[in-house]
Amino acid sequence: MAYLTVRNITSSTVRVENSYGMQMDVSRDIIERMWSANHFDTEVNMGMTDMAALLETIGDTVFSIQFRKKPNEAAVIEKLNSLNMKEVHN
């Protein structure tokens, strides 16, 4: 299994870099047919119980999970205190 990071995209190729720092140009046609956890049609919000049930049924399907922790009051206050007025207006 290889992990590739996209470095540049043109109309016909995608320049990628592997975990060893080696870069290569790959045809966009090949990239579009590769398995990737980042090519998806929908995003599904679910709790941990539902996710555990799903993980037991997916086999070797490639997927990606992003956890979003519910902020607590202290984290919200810290974030608000770190903002400047320019960031608030944008």
C-alpha atoms as a PDB file:
ATOM      1  CA  MET A   1       0.000   0.000   0.000  1.00  0.00           C
ATOM      2  CA  ALA A   2       1.328   3.456  -0.882  1.00  0.00           C
ATOM      3  CA  TYR A   3       0.367   6.813   0.493  1.00  0.00           C
ATOM      4  CA  LEU A   4       0.674   9.660  -1.994  1.00  0.00           C
ATOM      5  CA  THR A   5       0.342  13.390  -1.450  1.00  0.00           C
ATOM      6  CA  VAL A   6      -0.781  15.545  -4.381  1.00  0.00           C
ATOM      7  CA  ARG A   7       1.728  18.304  -5.116  1.00  0.00           C
ATOM      8  CA  ASN A   8       0.423  19.745  -8.417  1.00  0.00           C
ATOM      9  CA  ILE A   9      -2.469  19.181 -10.834  1.00  0.00           C
ATOM     10  CA  THR A  10      -2.474  20.024 -14.548  1.00  0.00           C
ATOM     11  CA  SER A  11      -5.065  19.321 -17.227  1.00  0.00           C
ATOM     12  CA  SER A  12      -3.592  15.872 -17.965  1.00  0.00           C
ATOM     13  CA  THR A  13      -1.347  14.868 -15.052  1.00  0.00           C
ATOM     14  CA  VAL A  14      -1.107  14.899 -11.288  1.00  0.00           C
ATOM     15  CA  ARG A  15       2.285  15.248  -9.592  1.00  0.00           C
ATOM     16  CA  VAL A  16       2.365  13.127  -6.423  1.00  0.00           C
ATOM     17  CA  GLU A  17       4.927  12.520  -3.693  1.00  0.00           C
ATOM     18  CA  ASN A  18       5.252   9.276  -1.784  1.00  0.00           C
ATOM     19  CA  SER A  19       6.174   8.881   1.890  1.00  0.00           C
ATOM     20  CA  TYR A  20       9.886   8.655   0.926  1.00  0.00           C
ATOM     21  CA  GLY A  21       9.860  12.072  -0.776  1.00  0.00           C
ATOM     22  CA  MET A  22      10.017  10.721  -4.336  1.00  0.00           C
ATOM     23  CA  GLN A  23       7.803  12.542  -6.833  1.00  0.00           C
ATOM     24  CA  MET A  24       6.200  11.282 -10.038  1.00  0.00           C
ATOM     25  CA  ASP A  25       3.701  12.467 -12.609  1.00  0.00           C
ATOM     26  CA  VAL A  26       0.622  10.274 -13.022  1.00  0.00           C
ATOM     27  CA  SER A  27      -2.057  10.509 -15.696  1.00  0.00           C
ATOM     28  CA  ARG A  28      -5.324  11.938 -14.371  1.00  0.00           C
ATOM     29  CA  ASP A  29      -7.124   8.945 -15.931  1.00  0.00           C
ATOM     30  CA  ILE A  30      -5.160   6.579 -13.690  1.00  0.00           C
ATOM     31  CA  ILE A  31      -5.716   8.712 -10.573  1.00  0.00           C
ATOM     32  CA  GLU A  32      -9.475   8.794 -11.166  1.00  0.00           C
ATOM     33  CA  ARG A  33      -9.587   4.965 -11.229  1.00  0.00           C
ATOM     34  CA  MET A  34      -7.442   4.448  -8.110  1.00  0.00           C
ATOM     35  CA  TRP A  35      -8.977   3.409  -4.813  1.00  0.00           C
ATOM     36  CA  SER A  36      -9.005   6.311  -2.423  1.00  0.00           C
ATOM     37  CA  ALA A  37     -10.748   7.155   0.807  1.00  0.00           C
ATOM     38  CA  ASN A  38     -10.990  10.739  -0.425  1.00  0.00           C
ATOM     39  CA  HIS A  39     -13.194  10.035  -3.469  1.00  0.00           C
ATOM     40  CA  PHE A  40     -16.711   9.942  -2.114  1.00  0.00           C
ATOM     41  CA  ASP A  41     -20.237  10.947  -3.010  1.00  0.00           C
ATOM     42  CA  THR A  42     -21.619  11.619   0.458  1.00  0.00           C
ATOM     43  CA  GLU A  43     -20.530  12.445   3.972  1.00  0.00           C
ATOM     44  CA  VAL A  44     -22.309  10.617   6.784  1.00  0.00           C
ATOM     45  CA  ASN A  45     -22.513  11.886  10.346  1.00  0.00           C
ATOM     46  CA  MET A  46     -22.859   9.073  12.877  1.00  0.00           C
ATOM     47  CA  GLY A  47     -22.251   8.218  16.470  1.00  0.00           C
ATOM     48  CA  MET A  48     -19.640   5.800  17.757  1.00  0.00           C
ATOM     49  CA  THR A  49     -22.116   2.913  18.120  1.00  0.00           C
ATOM     50  CA  ASP A  50     -23.261   3.172  14.493  1.00  0.00           C
ATOM     51  CA  MET A  51     -19.662   3.535  13.324  1.00  0.00           C
ATOM     52  CA  ALA A  52     -18.622   0.397  15.221  1.00  0.00           C
ATOM     53  CA  ALA A  53     -21.444  -1.545  13.552  1.00  0.00           C
ATOM     54  CA  LEU A  54     -20.383  -0.236  10.133  1.00  0.00           C
ATOM     55  CA  LEU A  55     -16.721  -1.157  10.702  1.00  0.00           C
ATOM     56  CA  GLU A  56     -17.759  -4.772  11.308  1.00  0.00           C
ATOM     57  CA  THR A  57     -19.421  -4.976   7.877  1.00  0.00           C
ATOM     58  CA  ILE A  58     -17.142  -3.093   5.449  1.00  0.00           C
ATOM     59  CA  GLY A  59     -14.449  -5.746   4.913  1.00  0.00           C
ATOM     60  CA  ASP A  60     -11.516  -4.307   2.956  1.00  0.00           C
ATOM     61  CA  THR A  61     -13.313  -1.246   1.616  1.00  0.00           C
ATOM     62  CA  VAL A  62     -11.130   1.859   1.561  1.00  0.00           C
ATOM     63  CA  PHE A  63     -12.607   4.597   3.726  1.00  0.00           C
ATOM     64  CA  SER A  64     -11.730   7.719   5.682  1.00  0.00           C
ATOM     65  CA  ILE A  65     -12.946   8.861   9.074  1.00  0.00           C
ATOM     66  CA  GLN A  66     -12.738  12.356  10.481  1.00  0.00           C
ATOM     67  CA  PHE A  67     -13.553  12.794  14.139  1.00  0.00           C
ATOM     68  CA  ARG A  68     -14.999  16.130  15.192  1.00  0.00           C
ATOM     69  CA  LYS A  69     -14.890  16.660  18.904  1.00  0.00           C
ATOM     70  CA  LYS A  70     -17.668  18.737  20.395  1.00  0.00           C
ATOM     71  CA  PRO A  71     -16.025  21.906  21.747  1.00  0.00           C
ATOM     72  CA  ASN A  72     -16.333  22.714  25.428  1.00  0.00           C
ATOM     73  CA  GLU A  73     -16.817  26.199  26.870  1.00  0.00           C
ATOM     74  CA  ALA A  74     -13.114  26.711  27.618  1.00  0.00           C
ATOM     75  CA  ALA A  75     -12.116  25.855  24.029  1.00  0.00           C
ATOM     76  CA  VAL A  76     -14.690  28.303  22.614  1.00  0.00           C
ATOM     77  CA  ILE A  77     -13.493  31.117  24.895  1.00  0.00           C
ATOM     78  CA  GLU A  78      -9.859  30.411  23.972  1.00  0.00           C
ATOM     79  CA  LYS A  79     -10.667  30.518  20.242  1.00  0.00           C
ATOM     80  CA  LEU A  80     -12.682  33.741  20.558  1.00  0.00           C
ATOM     81  CA  ASN A  81      -9.890  35.406  22.544  1.00  0.00           C
ATOM     82  CA  SER A  82      -7.339  34.455  19.871  1.00  0.00           C
ATOM     83  CA  LEU A  83      -9.273  36.125  17.002  1.00  0.00           C
ATOM     84  CA  ASN A  84      -8.466  39.600  15.768  1.00  0.00           C
ATOM     85  CA  MET A  85     -11.039  41.980  14.272  1.00  0.00           C
ATOM     86  CA  LYS A  86      -9.917  41.326  10.662  1.00  0.00           C
ATOM     87  CA  GLU A  87     -10.640  37.592  11.068  1.00  0.00           C
ATOM     88  CA  VAL A  88     -14.064  38.346  12.569  1.00  0.00           C
ATOM     89  CA  HIS A  89     -15.112  40.512   9.596  1.00  0.00           C
ATOM     90  CA  ASN A  90     -14.049  37.876   7.015  1.00  0.00           C
END
